[in-house]
C-alpha cells in the first residue's frame, strides 16, 4: 500500500493540470466556491477550540418509544421508515427524531416544477428538509423513497440550533456540510438499504474516517446529537487540527462543486492521506480495515493488481567498445 501511496502522490503532481483542464469546462462559480471554502475554513480553524468542549454522552435512553409513537401525528408513508429506523439505531439516538416527528409535513413537487428547477439551476435538487417549517420537500420524480429516507435522516439529526448532523455554525461560519451529506447517505444505505447513492466520493472518505472511532456507534451518536466536535476530538487522537480542517474543506468541495477530474483526484488523495494518518495509531486492525476500503477503489485496485514497483531499476551499464 505504501508503494501505491507514493505512485499516487507522484501522479497528483498533475493536479494543477487537471485544475486547468476543469476550469476550461466548468463555471467560474465552482472555482469561486473552492476559494471561498478555503478562506471559510481558515476562519473556522482560528475559533473552533472556543466551541469544542468535551461532550459527555447522555444516559437518558427512551424506554417507551412505541408508546410515544402511537400518540404522535405524522405522514402515513413514514410508518415503515420509522419502524426500520427504530430497529436499527440505539434508543439514545431516537430523542431528536421523536421531537420532530409530530406535525412533520411532506411536500411532493410535480414534474413541471422539476424541469423548471433544472433549467434554472442546471442541476436537480432531489429533496430538502426545512427545519423552521419542519417540512420535507421532495423534488425527485423517480426513486422518491431513497430521497425521503435521506431527508428523514436530516430531520432526525437536526438539533436545537436548527442544524442537522454535522452541519455546524461557528459565529456565522458554516462547516461540516460535506461531512454531513456524506454520512447521511452512508446511513441511508445501511439503515434503509438505499440503492440510489449520491455523494459517493464523500462516502468512501467517511468510511475511513469512521475507523478512527473504536466503536462506530460513537460516530452515529455524534451525528444524531448534531455534534461535530466529537468527530474533531476523535480525529485529534491521530491527526492534527490542520489535517482535520483540510478534510472538512475537501468534503465540502466535493459536495458544492462539479469539477469531475478534480473530484476524482482529490477523493483518492484524501483517502490515502487519511490512511497515512490512521497508521500513526499503530493499530493493525484499524490499518487493515482502511486498506480494505482503499482497495475497493478501481484505480488503487488496478495499481495493486499490477504489482507496480516504485524503486528505480538499476541502470544497465553500457559497454563501450574500445
C-alpha atoms as a PDB file:
ATOM      1  CA  UNK A   1       0.000   0.000   0.000  1.00  0.00           C
ATOM      2  CA  UNK A   2       2.908   2.363   0.684  1.00  0.00           C
ATOM      3  CA  UNK A   3       4.028   1.931  -2.920  1.00  0.00           C
ATOM      4  CA  UNK A   4       0.566   2.875  -4.144  1.00  0.00           C
ATOM      5  CA  UNK A   5       0.622   5.975  -1.958  1.00  0.00           C
ATOM      6  CA  UNK A   6       3.928   7.031  -3.487  1.00  0.00           C
ATOM      7  CA  UNK A   7       2.640   6.404  -7.001  1.00  0.00           C
ATOM      8  CA  UNK A   8      -0.468   8.458  -6.472  1.00  0.00           C
ATOM      9  CA  UNK A   9       1.468  11.206  -4.752  1.00  0.00           C
ATOM     10  CA  UNK A  10       3.581  11.447  -7.879  1.00  0.00           C
ATOM     11  CA  UNK A  11       0.542  11.371 -10.129  1.00  0.00           C
ATOM     12  CA  UNK A  12      -1.210  14.045  -8.081  1.00  0.00           C
ATOM     13  CA  UNK A  13       1.530  16.389  -9.183  1.00  0.00           C
ATOM     14  CA  UNK A  14      -0.706  16.653 -12.233  1.00  0.00           C
ATOM     15  CA  UNK A  15      -3.308  18.323 -10.001  1.00  0.00           C
ATOM     16  CA  UNK A  16      -2.651  21.794 -11.376  1.00  0.00           C
ATOM     17  CA  UNK A  17      -3.017  20.466 -14.901  1.00  0.00           C
ATOM     18  CA  UNK A  18      -6.348  18.813 -14.042  1.00  0.00           C
ATOM     19  CA  UNK A  19      -7.486  22.014 -12.342  1.00  0.00           C
ATOM     20  CA  UNK A  20      -6.650  23.954 -15.505  1.00  0.00           C
ATOM     21  CA  UNK A  21      -8.466  21.449 -17.730  1.00  0.00           C
ATOM     22  CA  UNK A  22     -11.530  21.540 -15.496  1.00  0.00           C
ATOM     23  CA  UNK A  23     -11.508  25.333 -15.452  1.00  0.00           C
ATOM     24  CA  UNK A  24     -11.899  25.355 -19.215  1.00  0.00           C
ATOM     25  CA  UNK A  25     -15.189  23.490 -18.990  1.00  0.00           C
ATOM     26  CA  UNK A  26     -16.646  24.370 -15.596  1.00  0.00           C
ATOM     27  CA  UNK A  27     -18.227  27.588 -14.425  1.00  0.00           C
ATOM     28  CA  UNK A  28     -16.459  30.331 -12.550  1.00  0.00           C
ATOM     29  CA  UNK A  29     -18.976  29.669  -9.786  1.00  0.00           C
ATOM     30  CA  UNK A  30     -17.247  26.367  -8.989  1.00  0.00           C
ATOM     31  CA  UNK A  31     -13.823  27.972  -8.924  1.00  0.00           C
ATOM     32  CA  UNK A  32     -15.066  30.746  -6.632  1.00  0.00           C
ATOM     33  CA  UNK A  33     -16.570  28.116  -4.342  1.00  0.00           C
ATOM     34  CA  UNK A  34     -13.178  26.430  -3.953  1.00  0.00           C
ATOM     35  CA  UNK A  35     -11.552  29.733  -2.990  1.00  0.00           C
ATOM     36  CA  UNK A  36     -14.394  30.690  -0.646  1.00  0.00           C
ATOM     37  CA  UNK A  37     -14.285  27.315   1.136  1.00  0.00           C
ATOM     38  CA  UNK A  38     -10.566  27.683   1.721  1.00  0.00           C
ATOM     39  CA  UNK A  39     -10.982  31.109   3.348  1.00  0.00           C
ATOM     40  CA  UNK A  40     -14.021  29.968   5.342  1.00  0.00           C
ATOM     41  CA  UNK A  41     -12.198  27.015   6.839  1.00  0.00           C
ATOM     42  CA  UNK A  42      -9.205  29.184   7.710  1.00  0.00           C
ATOM     43  CA  UNK A  43     -11.548  31.412   9.716  1.00  0.00           C
ATOM     44  CA  UNK A  44     -13.192  28.430  11.419  1.00  0.00           C
ATOM     45  CA  UNK A  45      -9.748  26.986  12.231  1.00  0.00           C
ATOM     46  CA  UNK A  46      -8.995  30.017  14.389  1.00  0.00           C
ATOM     47  CA  UNK A  47     -12.117  29.754  16.559  1.00  0.00           C
ATOM     48  CA  UNK A  48     -13.187  26.090  16.774  1.00  0.00           C
ATOM     49  CA  UNK A  49     -11.386  25.496  20.066  1.00  0.00           C
ATOM     50  CA  UNK A  50     -13.620  28.151  21.647  1.00  0.00           C
ATOM     51  CA  UNK A  51     -16.591  25.895  20.930  1.00  0.00           C
ATOM     52  CA  UNK A  52     -15.131  22.384  21.136  1.00  0.00           C
ATOM     53  CA  UNK A  53     -15.691  21.154  24.673  1.00  0.00           C
ATOM     54  CA  UNK A  54     -15.613  17.529  25.697  1.00  0.00           C
ATOM     55  CA  UNK A  55     -19.069  16.033  25.186  1.00  0.00           C
ATOM     56  CA  UNK A  56     -20.479  13.833  27.929  1.00  0.00           C
ATOM     57  CA  UNK A  57     -22.744  11.210  26.460  1.00  0.00           C
ATOM     58  CA  UNK A  58     -26.268  11.156  27.785  1.00  0.00           C
ATOM     59  CA  UNK A  59     -27.587   8.051  29.505  1.00  0.00           C
ATOM     60  CA  UNK A  60     -31.249   9.022  29.087  1.00  0.00           C
ATOM     61  CA  UNK A  61     -32.436   6.219  26.833  1.00  0.00           C
ATOM     62  CA  UNK A  62     -36.086   6.330  25.795  1.00  0.00           C
ATOM     63  CA  UNK A  63     -37.651   3.093  27.027  1.00  0.00           C
ATOM     64  CA  UNK A  64     -41.219   3.624  25.819  1.00  0.00           C
ATOM     65  CA  UNK A  65     -40.630   4.560  22.163  1.00  0.00           C
ATOM     66  CA  UNK A  66     -43.568   2.527  20.860  1.00  0.00           C
ATOM     67  CA  UNK A  67     -45.985   4.181  23.275  1.00  0.00           C
ATOM     68  CA  UNK A  68     -44.736   7.646  22.327  1.00  0.00           C
ATOM     69  CA  UNK A  69     -45.018   6.926  18.589  1.00  0.00           C
ATOM     70  CA  UNK A  70     -48.648   5.880  18.968  1.00  0.00           C
ATOM     71  CA  UNK A  71     -49.512   9.326  20.317  1.00  0.00           C
ATOM     72  CA  UNK A  72     -47.735  11.260  17.535  1.00  0.00           C
ATOM     73  CA  UNK A  73     -49.214  12.552  14.304  1.00  0.00           C
ATOM     74  CA  UNK A  74     -47.028  12.100  11.222  1.00  0.00           C
ATOM     75  CA  UNK A  75     -47.469  11.228   7.495  1.00  0.00           C
ATOM     76  CA  UNK A  76     -48.546   7.637   6.872  1.00  0.00           C
ATOM     77  CA  UNK A  77     -45.718   6.992   4.367  1.00  0.00           C
ATOM     78  CA  UNK A  78     -43.251   7.319   7.259  1.00  0.00           C
ATOM     79  CA  UNK A  79     -44.676   4.387   9.228  1.00  0.00           C
ATOM     80  CA  UNK A  80     -42.456   1.738   7.628  1.00  0.00           C
ATOM     81  CA  UNK A  81     -39.461   4.098   7.625  1.00  0.00           C
ATOM     82  CA  UNK A  82     -39.826   4.793  11.344  1.00  0.00           C
ATOM     83  CA  UNK A  83     -40.069   1.088  12.211  1.00  0.00           C
ATOM     84  CA  UNK A  84     -36.896   0.333  10.232  1.00  0.00           C
ATOM     85  CA  UNK A  85     -35.142   3.325  11.799  1.00  0.00           C
ATOM     86  CA  UNK A  86     -36.201   2.373  15.334  1.00  0.00           C
ATOM     87  CA  UNK A  87     -34.974  -1.191  14.901  1.00  0.00           C
ATOM     88  CA  UNK A  88     -31.538  -0.024  13.713  1.00  0.00           C
ATOM     89  CA  UNK A  89     -30.400   2.829  15.935  1.00  0.00           C
ATOM     90  CA  UNK A  90     -29.654   2.892  19.643  1.00  0.00           C
ATOM     91  CA  UNK A  91     -32.565   4.299  21.696  1.00  0.00           C
ATOM     92  CA  UNK A  92     -30.299   7.107  22.921  1.00  0.00           C
ATOM     93  CA  UNK A  93     -30.238   8.462  19.355  1.00  0.00           C
ATOM     94  CA  UNK A  94     -34.019   8.488  18.912  1.00  0.00           C
ATOM     95  CA  UNK A  95     -34.789  11.524  21.062  1.00  0.00           C
ATOM     96  CA  UNK A  96     -34.227  14.159  18.351  1.00  0.00           C
ATOM     97  CA  UNK A  97     -36.410  12.238  15.924  1.00  0.00           C
ATOM     98  CA  UNK A  98     -39.239  11.964  18.469  1.00  0.00           C
ATOM     99  CA  UNK A  99     -39.168  15.702  18.985  1.00  0.00           C
ATOM    100  CA  UNK A 100     -39.533  16.441  15.273  1.00  0.00           C
ATOM    101  CA  UNK A 101     -41.957  13.721  14.139  1.00  0.00           C
ATOM    102  CA  UNK A 102     -45.107  15.295  15.483  1.00  0.00           C
ATOM    103  CA  UNK A 103     -46.697  17.501  12.793  1.00  0.00           C
ATOM    104  CA  UNK A 104     -43.901  16.794  10.298  1.00  0.00           C
ATOM    105  CA  UNK A 105     -45.093  17.620   6.764  1.00  0.00           C
ATOM    106  CA  UNK A 106     -44.001  16.187   3.409  1.00  0.00           C
ATOM    107  CA  UNK A 107     -44.494  18.081   0.133  1.00  0.00           C
ATOM    108  CA  UNK A 108     -44.128  16.414  -3.272  1.00  0.00           C
ATOM    109  CA  UNK A 109     -43.460  18.602  -6.298  1.00  0.00           C
ATOM    110  CA  UNK A 110     -44.565  17.612  -9.776  1.00  0.00           C
ATOM    111  CA  UNK A 111     -42.542  17.072 -12.944  1.00  0.00           C
ATOM    112  CA  UNK A 112     -43.145  20.602 -14.236  1.00  0.00           C
ATOM    113  CA  UNK A 113     -41.599  22.010 -11.082  1.00  0.00           C
ATOM    114  CA  UNK A 114     -38.581  19.715 -11.519  1.00  0.00           C
ATOM    115  CA  UNK A 115     -37.992  20.736 -15.144  1.00  0.00           C
ATOM    116  CA  UNK A 116     -38.255  24.408 -14.262  1.00  0.00           C
ATOM    117  CA  UNK A 117     -35.801  23.991 -11.407  1.00  0.00           C
ATOM    118  CA  UNK A 118     -33.392  22.064 -13.639  1.00  0.00           C
ATOM    119  CA  UNK A 119     -33.460  24.719 -16.377  1.00  0.00           C
ATOM    120  CA  UNK A 120     -32.937  27.490 -13.838  1.00  0.00           C
ATOM    121  CA  UNK A 121     -30.071  25.899 -11.922  1.00  0.00           C
ATOM    122  CA  UNK A 122     -28.652  23.307 -14.359  1.00  0.00           C
ATOM    123  CA  UNK A 123     -28.965  20.759 -11.593  1.00  0.00           C
ATOM    124  CA  UNK A 124     -31.822  18.943  -9.932  1.00  0.00           C
ATOM    125  CA  UNK A 125     -32.494  19.348  -6.250  1.00  0.00           C
ATOM    126  CA  UNK A 126     -33.817  15.970  -5.153  1.00  0.00           C
ATOM    127  CA  UNK A 127     -35.109  16.941  -1.742  1.00  0.00           C
ATOM    128  CA  UNK A 128     -34.663  19.185   1.260  1.00  0.00           C
ATOM    129  CA  UNK A 129     -35.574  19.269   4.930  1.00  0.00           C
ATOM    130  CA  UNK A 130     -36.556  22.739   6.160  1.00  0.00           C
ATOM    131  CA  UNK A 131     -36.087  22.844   9.956  1.00  0.00           C
ATOM    132  CA  UNK A 132     -38.002  26.051  10.693  1.00  0.00           C
ATOM    133  CA  UNK A 133     -41.084  24.661   8.959  1.00  0.00           C
ATOM    134  CA  UNK A 134     -40.453  21.046   9.987  1.00  0.00           C
ATOM    135  CA  UNK A 135     -41.142  20.131   6.373  1.00  0.00           C
ATOM    136  CA  UNK A 136     -39.575  17.748   3.867  1.00  0.00           C
ATOM    137  CA  UNK A 137     -39.784  18.817   0.214  1.00  0.00           C
ATOM    138  CA  UNK A 138     -39.339  16.087  -2.407  1.00  0.00           C
ATOM    139  CA  UNK A 139     -38.436  17.229  -5.932  1.00  0.00           C
ATOM    140  CA  UNK A 140     -37.323  13.858  -7.289  1.00  0.00           C
ATOM    141  CA  UNK A 141     -39.722  12.260  -9.781  1.00  0.00           C
ATOM    142  CA  UNK A 142     -38.307   8.722  -9.607  1.00  0.00           C
ATOM    143  CA  UNK A 143     -36.920   6.807  -6.632  1.00  0.00           C
ATOM    144  CA  UNK A 144     -38.682   9.091  -4.190  1.00  0.00           C
ATOM    145  CA  UNK A 145     -38.267   6.710  -1.246  1.00  0.00           C
ATOM    146  CA  UNK A 146     -34.462   6.945  -1.169  1.00  0.00           C
ATOM    147  CA  UNK A 147     -34.716  10.736  -1.234  1.00  0.00           C
ATOM    148  CA  UNK A 148     -37.352  10.680   1.500  1.00  0.00           C
ATOM    149  CA  UNK A 149     -35.235   8.461   3.773  1.00  0.00           C
ATOM    150  CA  UNK A 150     -32.201  10.716   3.197  1.00  0.00           C
ATOM    151  CA  UNK A 151     -34.191  13.804   4.207  1.00  0.00           C
ATOM    152  CA  UNK A 152     -35.748  11.861   7.090  1.00  0.00           C
ATOM    153  CA  UNK A 153     -32.232  11.349   8.487  1.00  0.00           C
ATOM    154  CA  UNK A 154     -31.558  15.093   8.195  1.00  0.00           C
ATOM    155  CA  UNK A 155     -34.730  15.674  10.198  1.00  0.00           C
ATOM    156  CA  UNK A 156     -33.806  13.026  12.783  1.00  0.00           C
ATOM    157  CA  UNK A 157     -30.403  14.652  13.359  1.00  0.00           C
ATOM    158  CA  UNK A 158     -31.476  18.307  13.480  1.00  0.00           C
ATOM    159  CA  UNK A 159     -30.614  19.840  16.828  1.00  0.00           C
ATOM    160  CA  UNK A 160     -31.818  22.828  18.803  1.00  0.00           C
ATOM    161  CA  UNK A 161     -29.770  25.207  16.638  1.00  0.00           C
ATOM    162  CA  UNK A 162     -31.746  24.098  13.554  1.00  0.00           C
ATOM    163  CA  UNK A 163     -28.675  22.439  12.025  1.00  0.00           C
ATOM    164  CA  UNK A 164     -28.578  18.787  11.027  1.00  0.00           C
ATOM    165  CA  UNK A 165     -25.995  16.096  11.714  1.00  0.00           C
ATOM    166  CA  UNK A 166     -22.518  17.536  11.363  1.00  0.00           C
ATOM    167  CA  UNK A 167     -23.518  20.920   9.912  1.00  0.00           C
ATOM    168  CA  UNK A 168     -22.244  23.481  12.396  1.00  0.00           C
ATOM    169  CA  UNK A 169     -22.394  27.258  12.722  1.00  0.00           C
ATOM    170  CA  UNK A 170     -19.383  28.840  14.413  1.00  0.00           C
ATOM    171  CA  UNK A 171     -20.138  32.543  14.740  1.00  0.00           C
ATOM    172  CA  UNK A 172     -21.816  32.588  11.293  1.00  0.00           C
ATOM    173  CA  UNK A 173     -19.072  30.426   9.777  1.00  0.00           C
ATOM    174  CA  UNK A 174     -20.600  27.206   8.451  1.00  0.00           C
ATOM    175  CA  UNK A 175     -18.607  23.986   8.478  1.00  0.00           C
ATOM    176  CA  UNK A 176     -19.391  20.279   8.111  1.00  0.00           C
ATOM    177  CA  UNK A 177     -21.774  20.285   5.143  1.00  0.00           C
ATOM    178  CA  UNK A 178     -19.802  17.749   3.093  1.00  0.00           C
ATOM    179  CA  UNK A 179     -19.252  15.537   6.139  1.00  0.00           C
ATOM    180  CA  UNK A 180     -22.954  15.716   6.964  1.00  0.00           C
ATOM    181  CA  UNK A 181     -24.216  14.875   3.470  1.00  0.00           C
ATOM    182  CA  UNK A 182     -21.781  12.014   3.008  1.00  0.00           C
ATOM    183  CA  UNK A 183     -22.523  10.419   6.372  1.00  0.00           C
ATOM    184  CA  UNK A 184     -26.268  10.903   5.911  1.00  0.00           C
ATOM    185  CA  UNK A 185     -26.173   8.973   2.653  1.00  0.00           C
ATOM    186  CA  UNK A 186     -23.937   6.312   4.200  1.00  0.00           C
ATOM    187  CA  UNK A 187     -26.564   5.768   6.920  1.00  0.00           C
ATOM    188  CA  UNK A 188     -29.275   5.847   4.252  1.00  0.00           C
ATOM    189  CA  UNK A 189     -27.585   2.865   2.641  1.00  0.00           C
ATOM    190  CA  UNK A 190     -27.060   1.000   5.906  1.00  0.00           C
ATOM    191  CA  UNK A 191     -30.413   1.615   7.559  1.00  0.00           C
ATOM    192  CA  UNK A 192     -32.816   1.720   4.612  1.00  0.00           C
ATOM    193  CA  UNK A 193     -30.796  -0.253   2.055  1.00  0.00           C
ATOM    194  CA  UNK A 194     -30.929   2.718  -0.318  1.00  0.00           C
ATOM    195  CA  UNK A 195     -29.662   1.860  -3.783  1.00  0.00           C
ATOM    196  CA  UNK A 196     -29.711   5.423  -5.057  1.00  0.00           C
ATOM    197  CA  UNK A 197     -26.350   6.522  -3.717  1.00  0.00           C
ATOM    198  CA  UNK A 198     -25.271  10.103  -4.021  1.00  0.00           C
ATOM    199  CA  UNK A 199     -22.173  11.735  -2.527  1.00  0.00           C
ATOM    200  CA  UNK A 200     -20.190   8.597  -3.417  1.00  0.00           C
ATOM    201  CA  UNK A 201     -16.769  10.264  -3.094  1.00  0.00           C
ATOM    202  CA  UNK A 202     -17.668  11.577   0.358  1.00  0.00           C
ATOM    203  CA  UNK A 203     -18.968   8.197   1.480  1.00  0.00           C
ATOM    204  CA  UNK A 204     -15.714   6.384   0.677  1.00  0.00           C
ATOM    205  CA  UNK A 205     -13.691   9.022   2.539  1.00  0.00           C
ATOM    206  CA  UNK A 206     -16.006   8.933   5.555  1.00  0.00           C
ATOM    207  CA  UNK A 207     -15.809   5.136   5.751  1.00  0.00           C
ATOM    208  CA  UNK A 208     -12.101   5.545   6.559  1.00  0.00           C
ATOM    209  CA  UNK A 209     -12.795   8.415   8.967  1.00  0.00           C
ATOM    210  CA  UNK A 210     -15.215   6.115  10.793  1.00  0.00           C
ATOM    211  CA  UNK A 211     -12.319   3.763  11.584  1.00  0.00           C
ATOM    212  CA  UNK A 212     -10.827   6.485  13.814  1.00  0.00           C
ATOM    213  CA  UNK A 213     -13.555   5.526  16.310  1.00  0.00           C
ATOM    214  CA  UNK A 214     -13.023   2.424  18.430  1.00  0.00           C
ATOM    215  CA  UNK A 215     -16.787   1.974  18.239  1.00  0.00           C
ATOM    216  CA  UNK A 216     -18.532   3.183  15.032  1.00  0.00           C
ATOM    217  CA  UNK A 217     -21.711   3.709  17.060  1.00  0.00           C
ATOM    218  CA  UNK A 218     -19.979   6.686  18.691  1.00  0.00           C
ATOM    219  CA  UNK A 219     -19.968   8.413  15.298  1.00  0.00           C
ATOM    220  CA  UNK A 220     -23.693   7.709  14.995  1.00  0.00           C
ATOM    221  CA  UNK A 221     -24.191   9.275  18.418  1.00  0.00           C
ATOM    222  CA  UNK A 222     -22.306  12.393  17.306  1.00  0.00           C
ATOM    223  CA  UNK A 223     -24.441  12.617  14.150  1.00  0.00           C
ATOM    224  CA  UNK A 224     -27.827  12.251  15.845  1.00  0.00           C
ATOM    225  CA  UNK A 225     -26.803  14.727  18.535  1.00  0.00           C
ATOM    226  CA  UNK A 226     -25.653  17.326  15.996  1.00  0.00           C
ATOM    227  CA  UNK A 227     -22.140  17.338  17.455  1.00  0.00           C
ATOM    228  CA  UNK A 228     -19.210  17.692  15.048  1.00  0.00           C
ATOM    229  CA  UNK A 229     -16.903  18.341  17.995  1.00  0.00           C
ATOM    230  CA  UNK A 230     -16.924  14.638  18.888  1.00  0.00           C
ATOM    231  CA  UNK A 231     -15.550  13.986  15.402  1.00  0.00           C
ATOM    232  CA  UNK A 232     -12.942  16.698  15.873  1.00  0.00           C
ATOM    233  CA  UNK A 233     -11.756  15.364  19.231  1.00  0.00           C
ATOM    234  CA  UNK A 234     -11.629  11.781  17.967  1.00  0.00           C
ATOM    235  CA  UNK A 235      -9.677  12.814  14.866  1.00  0.00           C
ATOM    236  CA  UNK A 236      -7.075  14.545  17.030  1.00  0.00           C
ATOM    237  CA  UNK A 237      -6.088  11.182  18.547  1.00  0.00           C
ATOM    238  CA  UNK A 238      -4.067  10.535  15.386  1.00  0.00           C
ATOM    239  CA  UNK A 239      -4.312  13.665  13.259  1.00  0.00           C
ATOM    240  CA  UNK A 240      -3.707  17.381  13.615  1.00  0.00           C
ATOM    241  CA  UNK A 241      -6.031  20.334  13.651  1.00  0.00           C
ATOM    242  CA  UNK A 242      -4.696  21.377  10.224  1.00  0.00           C
ATOM    243  CA  UNK A 243      -5.416  17.922   8.810  1.00  0.00           C
ATOM    244  CA  UNK A 244      -8.944  17.966  10.217  1.00  0.00           C
ATOM    245  CA  UNK A 245      -9.828  21.251   8.553  1.00  0.00           C
ATOM    246  CA  UNK A 246      -8.218  20.148   5.321  1.00  0.00           C
ATOM    247  CA  UNK A 247     -10.540  17.118   5.423  1.00  0.00           C
ATOM    248  CA  UNK A 248     -13.629  19.247   6.079  1.00  0.00           C
ATOM    249  CA  UNK A 249     -12.690  21.572   3.237  1.00  0.00           C
ATOM    250  CA  UNK A 250     -12.258  18.698   0.787  1.00  0.00           C
ATOM    251  CA  UNK A 251     -15.592  17.129   1.770  1.00  0.00           C
ATOM    252  CA  UNK A 252     -17.341  20.472   1.238  1.00  0.00           C
ATOM    253  CA  UNK A 253     -15.658  20.948  -2.137  1.00  0.00           C
ATOM    254  CA  UNK A 254     -16.769  17.509  -3.308  1.00  0.00           C
ATOM    255  CA  UNK A 255     -20.396  18.363  -2.496  1.00  0.00           C
ATOM    256  CA  UNK A 256     -20.525  22.010  -3.516  1.00  0.00           C
ATOM    257  CA  UNK A 257     -18.689  21.874  -6.861  1.00  0.00           C
ATOM    258  CA  UNK A 258     -18.996  19.862 -10.034  1.00  0.00           C
ATOM    259  CA  UNK A 259     -15.445  19.548 -11.329  1.00  0.00           C
ATOM    260  CA  UNK A 260     -15.066  15.902 -12.453  1.00  0.00           C
ATOM    261  CA  UNK A 261     -11.302  15.410 -12.728  1.00  0.00           C
ATOM    262  CA  UNK A 262     -10.574  17.471  -9.617  1.00  0.00           C
ATOM    263  CA  UNK A 263     -13.121  15.482  -7.614  1.00  0.00           C
ATOM    264  CA  UNK A 264     -11.743  12.094  -8.643  1.00  0.00           C
ATOM    265  CA  UNK A 265      -8.101  13.020  -7.977  1.00  0.00           C
ATOM    266  CA  UNK A 266      -8.900  14.769  -4.705  1.00  0.00           C
ATOM    267  CA  UNK A 267     -11.081  11.934  -3.385  1.00  0.00           C
ATOM    268  CA  UNK A 268      -8.381   9.305  -3.883  1.00  0.00           C
ATOM    269  CA  UNK A 269      -5.676  11.553  -2.462  1.00  0.00           C
ATOM    270  CA  UNK A 270      -7.815  12.299   0.608  1.00  0.00           C
ATOM    271  CA  UNK A 271      -8.464   8.611   1.277  1.00  0.00           C
ATOM    272  CA  UNK A 272      -4.743   7.921   1.084  1.00  0.00           C
ATOM    273  CA  UNK A 273      -3.999  10.848   3.408  1.00  0.00           C
ATOM    274  CA  UNK A 274      -6.474   9.502   5.975  1.00  0.00           C
ATOM    275  CA  UNK A 275      -4.831   6.106   5.698  1.00  0.00           C
ATOM    276  CA  UNK A 276      -1.426   7.662   6.420  1.00  0.00           C
ATOM    277  CA  UNK A 277      -2.846   9.459   9.472  1.00  0.00           C
ATOM    278  CA  UNK A 278      -4.524   6.284  10.696  1.00  0.00           C
ATOM    279  CA  UNK A 279      -1.221   4.398  10.502  1.00  0.00           C
ATOM    280  CA  UNK A 280       0.027   6.598  13.340  1.00  0.00           C
ATOM    281  CA  UNK A 281      -2.313   4.639  15.622  1.00  0.00           C
ATOM    282  CA  UNK A 282      -0.131   1.547  15.067  1.00  0.00           C
ATOM    283  CA  UNK A 283      -3.386  -0.383  15.378  1.00  0.00           C
ATOM    284  CA  UNK A 284      -3.128  -3.267  12.916  1.00  0.00           C
ATOM    285  CA  UNK A 285      -6.875  -3.884  12.916  1.00  0.00           C
ATOM    286  CA  UNK A 286      -7.655  -0.261  12.019  1.00  0.00           C
ATOM    287  CA  UNK A 287      -4.933  -0.139   9.363  1.00  0.00           C
ATOM    288  CA  UNK A 288      -6.152  -3.356   7.747  1.00  0.00           C
ATOM    289  CA  UNK A 289      -9.756  -2.082   7.738  1.00  0.00           C
ATOM    290  CA  UNK A 290      -8.641   1.098   5.971  1.00  0.00           C
ATOM    291  CA  UNK A 291      -6.665  -0.883   3.402  1.00  0.00           C
ATOM    292  CA  UNK A 292      -9.741  -2.961   2.557  1.00  0.00           C
ATOM    293  CA  UNK A 293     -11.712   0.216   1.862  1.00  0.00           C
ATOM    294  CA  UNK A 294      -8.907   1.676  -0.236  1.00  0.00           C
ATOM    295  CA  UNK A 295      -8.748  -1.447  -2.365  1.00  0.00           C
ATOM    296  CA  UNK A 296     -12.386  -1.007  -3.404  1.00  0.00           C
ATOM    297  CA  UNK A 297     -11.253   1.990  -5.464  1.00  0.00           C
ATOM    298  CA  UNK A 298     -10.750   0.802  -9.079  1.00  0.00           C
ATOM    299  CA  UNK A 299      -7.547   2.798  -9.608  1.00  0.00           C
ATOM    300  CA  UNK A 300      -5.932   1.670  -6.369  1.00  0.00           C
ATOM    301  CA  UNK A 301      -7.042  -1.906  -7.055  1.00  0.00           C
ATOM    302  CA  UNK A 302      -5.503  -1.711 -10.526  1.00  0.00           C
ATOM    303  CA  UNK A 303      -2.178  -0.442  -9.216  1.00  0.00           C
ATOM    304  CA  UNK A 304      -2.049  -3.195  -6.621  1.00  0.00           C
ATOM    305  CA  UNK A 305      -3.030  -5.955  -9.074  1.00  0.00           C
ATOM    306  CA  UNK A 306      -0.240  -4.931 -11.439  1.00  0.00           C
ATOM    307  CA  UNK A 307       2.222  -5.159  -8.535  1.00  0.00           C
ATOM    308  CA  UNK A 308       3.886  -1.928  -9.631  1.00  0.00           C
ATOM    309  CA  UNK A 309       7.321  -1.408  -8.105  1.00  0.00           C
ATOM    310  CA  UNK A 310       8.386   2.140  -7.444  1.00  0.00           C
ATOM    311  CA  UNK A 311      12.059   1.595  -6.970  1.00  0.00           C
ATOM    312  CA  UNK A 312      14.033   2.707  -9.942  1.00  0.00           C
ATOM    313  CA  UNK A 313      15.552  -0.172 -11.784  1.00  0.00           C
ATOM    314  CA  UNK A 314      19.354  -0.052 -11.760  1.00  0.00           C
ATOM    315  CA  UNK A 315      20.595   1.318 -14.994  1.00  0.00           C
ATOM    316  CA  UNK A 316      22.482  -1.133 -17.086  1.00  0.00           C
ATOM    317  CA  UNK A 317      25.993  -0.098 -17.822  1.00  0.00           C
ATOM    318  CA  UNK A 318      26.531   0.415 -21.463  1.00  0.00           C
ATOM    319  CA  UNK A 319      29.622  -1.308 -22.611  1.00  0.00           C
ATOM    320  CA  UNK A 320      31.675   0.860 -24.872  1.00  0.00           C
ATOM    321  CA  UNK A 321      33.576  -0.989 -27.452  1.00  0.00           C
ATOM    322  CA  UNK A 322      37.142   0.014 -27.492  1.00  0.00           C
END
